[in-house]
Amino acid sequence: MAYHLQRLRKKHQRILFVCGISHYPRIMALLSSTQAQPIGRQRRDGVILAHLHERSSREIMSEIPYLAAAFETQRHELLTLWREQPDGSPPLDRLNQHETLFQDAARQHLQNSQEEVTLQQLAVLRRFARNYALVQGFLAPDFYQLVVAARGAVDDNYGYEIWDLGSRYPWQEENPTLPTIELRGEDLFLNQKKIRFHRRFSTMRRRLVPVPAKKRRSQEQRPGEWQRQWQGHMICSYPPEDIVIEGWGHYIKKKAGQILAAENSRTVPFTSSLMDGIDLRETIRNWHEGKLYVKENWSLRGKVGSVVLIFDEDLPAESEAERFPWRVTWLGEHEQESDMAFYATPSGQHFVGPGISRCQYGGFMLTYPPMRVYDIWQDSFFDIASTKSERLLLAAIDYCEQAQIAYIAAKPPRSWCHTVASRYRKKIIYLPIGMFSPVFLKKIRTFHVLDGHHVREVAGEYI
């Protein structure tokens, strides 16, 4: 009724409408918004068959285009299976297709942004999307909820990849034989929500007139020229990266000290002494008891003297090669630098400039003070270690002049490493690598090796 009244209102100025008194409030409410035409037999003129524009297929399809494409691809197999086993479980599961979309978008994200989506981020994404759907009253998340969850669990770049792949309908033609029609969601009165992506771009758009700040970078005259010039006899590090690594090492020492302090304290009800102060958190938590809680901190023996960070333990199968075969021990150049031992991808393979090789850490060890460490990879004293990460940890224990060693990795060290540390009257503090920012870890994992101190003068133009 409301639809027909709206049509009559466009043609006539005054309309007489007679209806039941119980229908009147609802009809008046419906007249305030545009109504869709009721379903029924209609005779229409000028109806044509048209090709839907690609932009419209991303916007107005009732099902996620990615899922619709998966169904169309397997249509014949699905229909055959349903005819033979009508009571069987559906082989095309919506949640499985969501998982496939996550993986495809992760590969696209790695290719376009050079950033890997971790398993932890995917787990957060699944949990986010599921809870969002349940809060909205759905059994499974819709496309908007998937995109919002991807953006929240990873970043805007990955959220865009989810939208781009999920809304892409593969059967689009550049020159269709049918006339092309473009529709928006507003044309069909669809319930739409807008989402904005604040994407990060790795490179700037090319300028019309390039203006170098100092001088133009030299380029390879022939492919492989920089690699042929590489000698590798007097290698050194890039000082700005050294500053970042040393700053992170000091932060880890402070972080481990805070964790140790929390472990070496206790909270008890107030009796006669305030000890080391009132524990406000515990007092508020037990407010119903009407008691004050105080904290007692026990003194700590020593500080953190060595830091070990393991990105990848690099445990290849028998038929596989090591991903991080390069093993090096570096000595600090001054009192503000630590001695360092690491395993990484080989130098002299990937170049960003003349005499500048880009590498990636598999793991490294920092120990203070500098100028004390012998080459741990040649030292037979550490041959009891079965992996490169254990060798770094044993060296950190042996060269540590303090009582604690911070060990950051995905897995804790084996029990015999704790036994070795206890015999040296030292303690290993294990910190899961997941508690640190993956963005910053990715930043410090990549480093550059210079073919001599003279390269430092021009390295800043390439790195």
Protein backbone atom coordinates (compact mmCIF):
# COMPACT_ATOMS: atom_id res chain seq x y z
CA MET A 1 0.00 0.00 0.00
CA ALA A 2 2.78 2.43 0.91
CA TYR A 3 4.50 1.82 -2.44
CA HIS A 4 1.35 2.56 -4.45
CA LEU A 5 0.62 5.66 -2.38
CA GLN A 6 4.09 6.97 -3.16
CA ARG A 7 3.50 6.39 -6.88
CA LEU A 8 0.16 8.23 -6.74
CA ARG A 9 1.74 11.12 -4.83
CA LYS A 10 4.09 11.72 -7.77
CA LYS A 11 1.13 12.05 -10.18
CA HIS A 12 -1.59 13.78 -8.10
CA GLN A 13 -1.65 16.65 -5.64
CA ARG A 14 -4.43 15.37 -3.37
CA ILE A 15 -5.14 11.69 -2.65
CA LEU A 16 -7.97 10.11 -0.69
CA PHE A 17 -6.88 6.90 1.05
CA VAL A 18 -9.29 4.70 3.01
CA CYS A 19 -7.80 1.99 5.25
CA GLY A 20 -8.28 0.20 8.55
CA ILE A 21 -7.41 2.20 11.65
CA SER A 22 -4.85 -0.42 12.74
CA HIS A 23 -2.95 -0.05 9.44
CA TYR A 24 -2.69 3.73 9.63
CA PRO A 25 0.42 4.14 11.95
CA ARG A 26 2.49 1.60 10.05
CA ILE A 27 1.64 3.07 6.65
CA MET A 28 2.55 6.58 7.79
CA ALA A 29 5.91 5.31 9.03
CA LEU A 30 6.63 3.56 5.72
CA LEU A 31 5.79 6.67 3.69
CA SER A 32 8.79 8.47 5.21
CA SER A 33 11.23 6.27 3.25
CA THR A 34 11.38 5.01 -0.33
CA GLN A 35 9.66 1.64 -0.72
CA ALA A 36 10.60 -1.17 -3.08
CA GLN A 37 8.04 -2.46 -5.50
CA PRO A 38 6.16 -5.49 -4.08
CA ILE A 39 6.76 -8.87 -5.68
CA GLY A 40 4.08 -9.83 -8.15
CA ARG A 41 3.33 -10.39 -11.80
CA GLN A 42 4.25 -7.29 -13.73
CA ARG A 43 4.32 -6.54 -17.40
CA ARG A 44 7.28 -4.40 -18.30
CA ASP A 45 8.38 -2.85 -21.56
CA GLY A 46 11.93 -2.13 -22.65
CA VAL A 47 13.53 -4.96 -20.65
CA ILE A 48 16.99 -5.90 -21.97
CA LEU A 49 19.74 -8.35 -21.06
CA ALA A 50 22.93 -6.48 -20.13
CA HIS A 51 26.46 -7.15 -18.94
CA LEU A 52 27.17 -5.95 -15.38
CA HIS A 53 30.17 -3.62 -15.14
CA GLU A 54 33.16 -4.81 -13.11
CA ARG A 55 32.77 -1.97 -10.59
CA SER A 56 29.14 -2.93 -10.09
CA SER A 57 29.91 -6.62 -9.58
CA ARG A 58 32.20 -5.61 -6.71
CA GLU A 59 29.35 -3.71 -5.06
CA ILE A 60 25.87 -5.15 -5.65
CA MET A 61 26.29 -8.94 -5.70
CA SER A 62 24.27 -10.53 -2.91
CA GLU A 63 26.99 -13.14 -2.26
CA ILE A 64 30.71 -12.51 -1.84
CA PRO A 65 32.04 -12.65 -5.43
CA TYR A 66 34.96 -14.83 -4.29
CA LEU A 67 32.53 -17.44 -2.92
CA ALA A 68 30.27 -17.17 -5.96
CA ALA A 69 33.25 -17.80 -8.23
CA ALA A 70 34.27 -20.83 -6.15
CA PHE A 71 30.76 -22.27 -6.48
CA GLU A 72 30.61 -21.63 -10.23
CA THR A 73 33.99 -23.32 -10.68
CA GLN A 74 32.78 -26.46 -8.88
CA ARG A 75 29.13 -26.30 -9.96
CA HIS A 76 29.11 -29.52 -12.01
CA GLU A 77 30.96 -31.55 -9.36
CA LEU A 78 28.73 -30.23 -6.57
CA LEU A 79 25.48 -30.99 -8.41
CA THR A 80 26.68 -34.50 -9.25
CA LEU A 81 27.66 -35.14 -5.64
CA TRP A 82 24.38 -33.79 -4.26
CA ARG A 83 22.39 -36.04 -6.59
CA GLU A 84 24.37 -39.12 -5.53
CA GLN A 85 24.56 -38.26 -1.80
CA PRO A 86 21.74 -35.85 -0.94
CA ASP A 87 22.24 -36.37 2.81
CA GLY A 88 26.02 -35.91 2.78
CA SER A 89 27.85 -32.91 4.16
CA PRO A 90 28.30 -30.03 1.70
CA PRO A 91 31.79 -30.19 0.14
CA LEU A 92 31.89 -26.41 -0.43
CA ASP A 93 32.13 -24.98 3.08
CA ARG A 94 31.82 -21.22 3.55
CA LEU A 95 34.34 -21.05 6.40
CA ASN A 96 36.87 -23.07 4.39
CA GLN A 97 36.49 -20.60 1.53
CA HIS A 98 37.07 -17.76 3.99
CA GLU A 99 40.33 -19.46 5.02
CA THR A 100 41.35 -19.82 1.36
CA LEU A 101 40.64 -16.11 0.86
CA PHE A 102 42.85 -15.26 3.87
CA GLN A 103 45.74 -17.29 2.46
CA ASP A 104 45.42 -15.89 -1.07
CA ALA A 105 45.28 -12.35 0.29
CA ALA A 106 48.34 -13.04 2.48
CA ARG A 107 50.35 -14.10 -0.59
CA GLN A 108 49.16 -11.02 -2.46
CA HIS A 109 50.07 -8.87 0.55
CA LEU A 110 53.58 -10.35 0.66
CA GLN A 111 54.06 -9.67 -3.05
CA ASN A 112 52.75 -6.08 -2.99
CA SER A 113 53.90 -4.86 0.45
CA GLN A 114 56.81 -7.24 1.19
CA GLU A 115 55.24 -7.99 4.58
CA GLU A 116 54.38 -11.49 5.78
CA VAL A 117 51.11 -12.18 7.60
CA THR A 118 52.00 -14.30 10.63
CA LEU A 119 50.06 -17.25 12.00
CA GLN A 120 49.30 -15.23 15.15
CA GLN A 121 47.73 -12.46 13.06
CA LEU A 122 45.61 -14.99 11.15
CA ALA A 123 44.42 -16.50 14.45
CA VAL A 124 43.43 -13.02 15.68
CA LEU A 125 41.68 -12.39 12.36
CA ARG A 126 39.56 -15.55 12.62
CA ARG A 127 38.62 -14.81 16.23
CA PHE A 128 37.84 -11.17 15.43
CA ALA A 129 35.59 -12.08 12.47
CA ARG A 130 33.78 -14.82 14.40
CA ASN A 131 33.07 -12.62 17.43
CA TYR A 132 32.00 -9.70 15.23
CA ALA A 133 29.52 -11.96 13.43
CA LEU A 134 28.12 -13.34 16.70
CA VAL A 135 27.65 -9.85 18.13
CA GLN A 136 25.72 -8.85 14.99
CA GLY A 137 23.58 -11.99 15.16
CA PHE A 138 25.17 -13.94 12.28
CA LEU A 139 26.40 -17.52 12.24
CA ALA A 140 29.24 -16.63 9.85
CA PRO A 141 30.87 -13.27 9.05
CA ASP A 142 29.79 -11.37 5.97
CA PHE A 143 32.13 -9.59 3.59
CA TYR A 144 32.16 -6.28 5.49
CA GLN A 145 32.99 -8.06 8.75
CA LEU A 146 35.84 -9.98 7.07
CA VAL A 147 37.37 -6.77 5.71
CA VAL A 148 37.09 -4.96 9.06
CA ALA A 149 38.61 -7.95 10.87
CA ALA A 150 41.51 -8.13 8.38
CA ARG A 151 42.23 -4.44 8.76
CA GLY A 152 42.14 -4.67 12.55
CA ALA A 153 44.19 -7.87 12.88
CA VAL A 154 46.92 -6.96 10.35
CA ASP A 155 46.78 -3.52 8.69
CA ASP A 156 45.00 -1.46 6.04
CA ASN A 157 47.12 -2.91 3.24
CA TYR A 158 46.03 -6.46 4.06
CA GLY A 159 42.42 -5.33 4.51
CA TYR A 160 42.56 -3.88 1.01
CA GLU A 161 43.90 -7.17 -0.39
CA ILE A 162 40.97 -9.02 1.25
CA TRP A 163 38.52 -6.57 -0.33
CA ASP A 164 40.25 -6.66 -3.73
CA LEU A 165 40.33 -10.47 -3.97
CA GLY A 166 36.97 -11.04 -2.28
CA SER A 167 35.08 -8.61 -4.51
CA ARG A 168 36.69 -9.73 -7.77
CA TYR A 169 34.35 -11.71 -10.04
CA PRO A 170 36.58 -13.48 -12.59
CA TRP A 171 34.14 -13.72 -15.49
CA GLN A 172 34.43 -10.16 -16.74
CA GLU A 173 35.04 -9.26 -20.38
CA GLU A 174 36.76 -6.17 -21.73
CA ASN A 175 34.55 -6.07 -24.83
CA PRO A 176 31.29 -7.89 -24.00
CA THR A 177 28.77 -8.62 -26.74
CA LEU A 178 25.94 -7.36 -24.50
CA PRO A 179 25.49 -3.72 -23.54
CA THR A 180 27.26 -2.88 -20.28
CA ILE A 181 25.27 -1.47 -17.38
CA GLU A 182 26.72 0.11 -14.24
CA LEU A 183 24.67 0.13 -11.02
CA ARG A 184 25.41 1.37 -7.52
CA GLY A 185 24.13 0.01 -4.25
CA GLU A 186 21.97 3.11 -3.83
CA ASP A 187 20.14 2.29 -7.07
CA LEU A 188 18.94 -1.01 -5.57
CA PHE A 189 18.34 0.35 -2.03
CA LEU A 190 20.98 -2.00 -0.60
CA ASN A 191 22.07 -1.75 3.01
CA GLN A 192 25.66 -0.61 2.50
CA LYS A 193 28.52 0.41 4.77
CA LYS A 194 31.58 2.37 3.74
CA ILE A 195 35.11 1.53 4.75
CA ARG A 196 38.22 3.61 4.08
CA PHE A 197 41.70 2.15 3.66
CA HIS A 198 44.68 4.24 4.76
CA ARG A 199 47.22 2.28 2.76
CA ARG A 200 50.97 2.65 3.14
CA PHE A 201 53.00 2.83 -0.07
CA SER A 202 56.62 1.71 -0.12
CA THR A 203 57.70 4.02 -2.94
CA MET A 204 56.84 7.55 -3.97
CA ARG A 205 55.25 8.41 -7.29
CA ARG A 206 57.79 9.34 -9.96
CA ARG A 207 58.28 13.08 -10.27
CA LEU A 208 58.23 14.84 -13.62
CA VAL A 209 61.63 16.47 -12.89
CA PRO A 210 63.87 14.36 -10.61
CA VAL A 211 65.84 16.62 -8.26
CA PRO A 212 68.58 14.68 -6.40
CA ALA A 213 69.40 15.92 -2.90
CA LYS A 214 73.17 15.52 -3.30
CA LYS A 215 74.14 13.54 -6.32
CA ARG A 216 72.70 10.77 -8.40
CA ARG A 217 73.24 7.22 -7.31
CA SER A 218 75.59 5.26 -9.44
CA GLN A 219 73.96 2.30 -11.14
CA GLU A 220 75.39 -0.97 -12.36
CA GLN A 221 76.75 -0.55 -15.86
CA ARG A 222 76.28 -4.27 -16.45
CA PRO A 223 74.26 -6.82 -14.43
CA GLY A 224 76.41 -8.39 -11.71
CA GLU A 225 79.04 -5.62 -11.73
CA TRP A 226 78.73 -4.91 -7.99
CA GLN A 227 78.97 -8.60 -7.18
CA ARG A 228 82.18 -8.98 -9.19
CA GLN A 229 83.70 -5.98 -7.37
CA TRP A 230 82.89 -7.43 -3.95
CA GLN A 231 85.98 -8.63 -2.04
CA GLY A 232 84.72 -9.29 1.49
CA HIS A 233 88.12 -9.13 3.21
CA MET A 234 87.60 -5.96 5.30
CA ILE A 235 83.87 -6.01 5.94
CA CYS A 236 82.22 -3.74 8.51
CA SER A 237 78.76 -2.75 9.67
CA TYR A 238 76.60 0.30 8.92
CA PRO A 239 76.75 2.64 11.99
CA PRO A 240 73.07 3.80 12.00
CA GLU A 241 71.98 0.16 12.15
CA ASP A 242 74.47 -0.44 14.98
CA ILE A 243 72.85 2.36 16.98
CA VAL A 244 69.40 0.80 16.54
CA ILE A 245 70.63 -2.66 17.57
CA GLU A 246 72.47 -1.33 20.63
CA GLY A 247 69.44 0.72 21.68
CA TRP A 248 67.24 -2.34 21.39
CA GLY A 249 69.73 -4.36 23.45
CA HIS A 250 69.59 -1.80 26.27
CA TYR A 251 65.79 -1.87 26.12
CA ILE A 252 65.81 -5.67 26.46
CA LYS A 253 68.09 -5.47 29.49
CA LYS A 254 65.70 -3.05 31.15
CA LYS A 255 62.66 -5.17 30.15
CA ALA A 256 64.19 -8.35 31.54
CA GLY A 257 65.05 -6.52 34.77
CA GLN A 258 61.42 -5.46 35.16
CA ILE A 259 60.24 -9.04 34.66
CA LEU A 260 62.75 -10.30 37.22
CA ALA A 261 61.64 -7.63 39.69
CA ALA A 262 58.01 -8.70 39.25
CA GLU A 263 58.97 -12.34 39.85
CA ASN A 264 60.98 -11.44 42.96
CA SER A 265 58.19 -9.67 44.79
CA ARG A 266 55.16 -10.68 46.78
CA THR A 267 51.94 -8.98 47.87
CA VAL A 268 50.62 -9.55 51.40
CA PRO A 269 47.88 -7.99 53.58
CA PHE A 270 49.02 -5.00 55.63
CA THR A 271 49.76 -5.87 59.26
CA SER A 272 52.44 -3.68 60.83
CA SER A 273 54.71 -2.40 58.03
CA LEU A 274 54.13 -0.77 54.65
CA MET A 275 57.22 -2.63 53.35
CA ASP A 276 57.87 -1.29 49.80
CA GLY A 277 54.56 0.52 49.41
CA ILE A 278 50.84 -0.12 48.93
CA ASP A 279 49.84 -2.43 46.07
CA LEU A 280 46.91 -0.45 44.68
CA ARG A 281 45.93 -3.04 42.09
CA GLU A 282 45.63 -5.87 44.62
CA THR A 283 43.90 -3.58 47.13
CA ILE A 284 41.24 -2.55 44.61
CA ARG A 285 40.82 -6.15 43.44
CA ASN A 286 40.05 -7.23 47.02
CA TRP A 287 38.17 -4.08 48.04
CA HIS A 288 35.28 -6.16 49.39
CA GLU A 289 37.60 -7.55 52.09
CA GLY A 290 38.30 -4.09 53.51
CA LYS A 291 42.07 -4.71 53.68
CA LEU A 292 45.16 -2.92 52.46
CA TYR A 293 47.73 -4.92 50.50
CA VAL A 294 51.41 -4.03 50.51
CA LYS A 295 54.25 -5.15 48.22
CA GLU A 296 57.58 -6.57 49.29
CA ASN A 297 60.44 -6.54 46.78
CA TRP A 298 63.42 -8.82 47.27
CA SER A 299 66.85 -7.68 46.20
CA LEU A 300 68.12 -8.92 42.83
CA ARG A 301 71.58 -10.31 42.25
CA GLY A 302 73.26 -8.76 39.24
CA LYS A 303 71.86 -7.42 35.98
CA VAL A 304 71.44 -8.60 32.38
CA GLY A 305 74.82 -8.82 30.66
CA SER A 306 74.03 -10.69 27.41
CA VAL A 307 71.08 -10.70 25.01
CA VAL A 308 70.24 -13.47 22.51
CA LEU A 309 67.57 -12.99 19.83
CA ILE A 310 66.54 -15.93 17.62
CA PHE A 311 64.37 -15.17 14.59
CA ASP A 312 64.71 -18.60 13.00
CA GLU A 313 66.46 -21.64 14.48
CA ASP A 314 67.26 -22.80 10.92
CA LEU A 315 66.77 -26.55 11.30
CA PRO A 316 66.64 -27.83 7.70
CA ALA A 317 65.79 -31.39 6.76
CA GLU A 318 68.51 -33.73 5.57
CA SER A 319 67.89 -32.95 1.89
CA GLU A 320 67.55 -29.18 2.40
CA ALA A 321 70.21 -26.48 2.59
CA GLU A 322 70.60 -24.00 5.43
CA ARG A 323 68.78 -20.71 4.98
CA PHE A 324 71.28 -18.84 7.19
CA PRO A 325 74.69 -20.43 6.59
CA TRP A 326 76.87 -17.35 7.23
CA ARG A 327 78.38 -17.38 10.76
CA VAL A 328 80.31 -14.33 11.98
CA THR A 329 81.67 -12.86 15.22
CA TRP A 330 82.02 -9.07 15.30
CA LEU A 331 83.85 -7.04 17.95
CA GLY A 332 82.61 -3.67 19.15
CA GLU A 333 84.49 -0.70 17.69
CA HIS A 334 84.21 1.45 20.84
CA GLU A 335 82.97 1.34 24.43
CA GLN A 336 79.34 2.03 23.49
CA GLU A 337 79.12 -1.02 21.25
CA SER A 338 78.83 -4.63 22.29
CA ASP A 339 80.52 -7.70 20.89
CA MET A 340 78.23 -9.56 18.54
CA ALA A 341 77.95 -13.06 17.08
CA PHE A 342 75.29 -14.01 14.55
CA TYR A 343 74.22 -16.33 11.77
CA ALA A 344 72.60 -14.84 8.69
CA THR A 345 72.13 -15.05 4.95
CA PRO A 346 75.48 -14.84 3.12
CA SER A 347 77.01 -11.48 2.30
CA GLY A 348 77.98 -10.72 -1.27
CA GLN A 349 74.78 -12.07 -2.82
CA HIS A 350 72.19 -9.28 -2.70
CA PHE A 351 73.45 -5.75 -3.36
CA VAL A 352 71.83 -2.35 -2.94
CA GLY A 353 74.89 -0.34 -3.95
CA PRO A 354 78.61 -0.67 -4.73
CA GLY A 355 80.21 -2.50 -1.82
CA ILE A 356 76.87 -2.66 0.08
CA SER A 357 75.36 -6.10 0.62
CA ARG A 358 71.96 -6.64 2.23
CA CYS A 359 71.59 -9.61 4.60
CA GLN A 360 69.06 -10.97 7.05
CA TYR A 361 69.66 -12.27 10.56
CA GLY A 362 68.67 -15.77 11.58
CA GLY A 363 69.75 -14.97 15.14
CA PHE A 364 72.34 -12.96 17.04
CA MET A 365 73.97 -12.53 20.45
CA LEU A 366 75.06 -9.27 22.13
CA THR A 367 77.37 -9.21 25.14
CA TYR A 368 78.82 -6.34 27.13
CA PRO A 369 81.50 -4.94 27.50
CA PRO A 370 83.18 -5.12 24.05
CA MET A 371 86.51 -6.48 22.77
CA ARG A 372 86.35 -9.81 24.67
CA VAL A 373 84.76 -12.44 22.40
CA TYR A 374 86.78 -15.01 20.48
CA ASP A 375 85.21 -16.46 17.31
CA ILE A 376 82.49 -18.63 18.87
CA TRP A 377 81.90 -20.53 15.62
CA GLN A 378 85.49 -21.82 15.68
CA ASP A 379 85.73 -22.29 19.45
CA SER A 380 85.54 -26.03 20.23
CA PHE A 381 84.35 -25.22 23.77
CA PHE A 382 80.84 -24.71 22.36
CA ASP A 383 80.75 -27.86 20.22
CA ILE A 384 78.32 -29.48 22.68
CA ALA A 385 75.60 -27.27 21.17
CA SER A 386 73.48 -29.09 18.60
CA THR A 387 72.01 -25.98 16.93
CA LYS A 388 73.23 -22.50 16.07
CA SER A 389 70.79 -20.93 18.52
CA GLU A 390 72.14 -23.07 21.38
CA ARG A 391 75.70 -22.12 20.43
CA LEU A 392 74.80 -18.45 20.69
CA LEU A 393 73.17 -19.05 24.08
CA LEU A 394 76.20 -20.95 25.42
CA ALA A 395 78.49 -18.13 24.26
CA ALA A 396 76.21 -15.59 25.93
CA ILE A 397 76.43 -17.57 29.19
CA ASP A 398 80.20 -17.94 28.99
CA TYR A 399 80.99 -14.31 28.15
CA CYS A 400 78.33 -12.71 30.36
CA GLU A 401 79.87 -10.74 33.25
CA GLN A 402 76.50 -10.24 34.96
CA ALA A 403 74.13 -12.75 36.54
CA GLN A 404 71.34 -12.83 33.91
CA ILE A 405 71.07 -13.60 30.20
CA ALA A 406 68.00 -12.53 28.19
CA TYR A 407 66.91 -15.11 25.58
CA ILE A 408 64.24 -14.08 23.05
CA ALA A 409 62.89 -16.77 20.73
CA ALA A 410 59.71 -18.54 19.67
CA LYS A 411 60.56 -21.54 21.88
CA PRO A 412 62.26 -21.60 25.30
CA PRO A 413 65.76 -23.09 25.56
CA ARG A 414 66.16 -26.74 26.49
CA SER A 415 66.54 -27.66 30.15
CA TRP A 416 70.24 -28.53 29.86
CA CYS A 417 70.97 -24.90 28.90
CA HIS A 418 69.49 -23.81 32.24
CA THR A 419 71.69 -26.41 33.94
CA VAL A 420 74.82 -25.01 32.28
CA ALA A 421 73.82 -21.48 33.30
CA SER A 422 73.24 -22.54 36.92
CA ARG A 423 76.74 -24.05 37.08
CA TYR A 424 78.08 -20.63 36.10
CA ARG A 425 75.81 -19.16 38.81
CA LYS A 426 73.81 -17.38 36.14
CA LYS A 427 70.17 -17.39 35.08
CA ILE A 428 68.48 -17.44 31.67
CA ILE A 429 65.44 -15.15 31.36
CA TYR A 430 63.22 -16.40 28.52
CA LEU A 431 61.11 -13.77 26.73
CA PRO A 432 58.71 -15.01 23.99
CA ILE A 433 59.37 -13.24 20.72
CA GLY A 434 55.63 -12.66 20.30
CA MET A 435 55.65 -10.05 23.08
CA PHE A 436 57.66 -7.65 20.91
CA SER A 437 56.49 -5.54 17.99
CA PRO A 438 56.70 -7.54 14.72
CA VAL A 439 57.18 -4.28 12.81
CA PHE A 440 60.29 -3.38 14.82
CA LEU A 441 61.63 -6.95 14.71
CA LYS A 442 61.31 -6.88 10.94
CA LYS A 443 63.19 -3.58 10.90
CA ILE A 444 66.19 -4.83 12.87
CA ARG A 445 66.30 -8.24 11.17
CA THR A 446 67.57 -6.76 7.90
CA PHE A 447 71.09 -5.31 8.00
CA HIS A 448 73.82 -4.27 5.58
CA VAL A 449 77.45 -5.34 5.29
CA LEU A 450 79.94 -2.87 3.84
CA ASP A 451 83.07 -3.85 1.92
CA GLY A 452 85.41 -1.66 3.97
CA HIS A 453 85.21 1.48 6.12
CA HIS A 454 85.51 3.75 3.07
CA VAL A 455 82.06 2.57 1.89
CA ARG A 456 80.45 4.21 4.95
CA GLU A 457 80.89 7.62 3.29
CA VAL A 458 78.41 6.77 0.51
CA ALA A 459 76.32 4.03 2.15
CA GLY A 460 73.66 6.50 3.31
CA GLU A 461 72.78 7.28 -0.32
CA TYR A 462 71.80 3.65 -0.97
CA ILE A 463 70.43 2.33 2.33
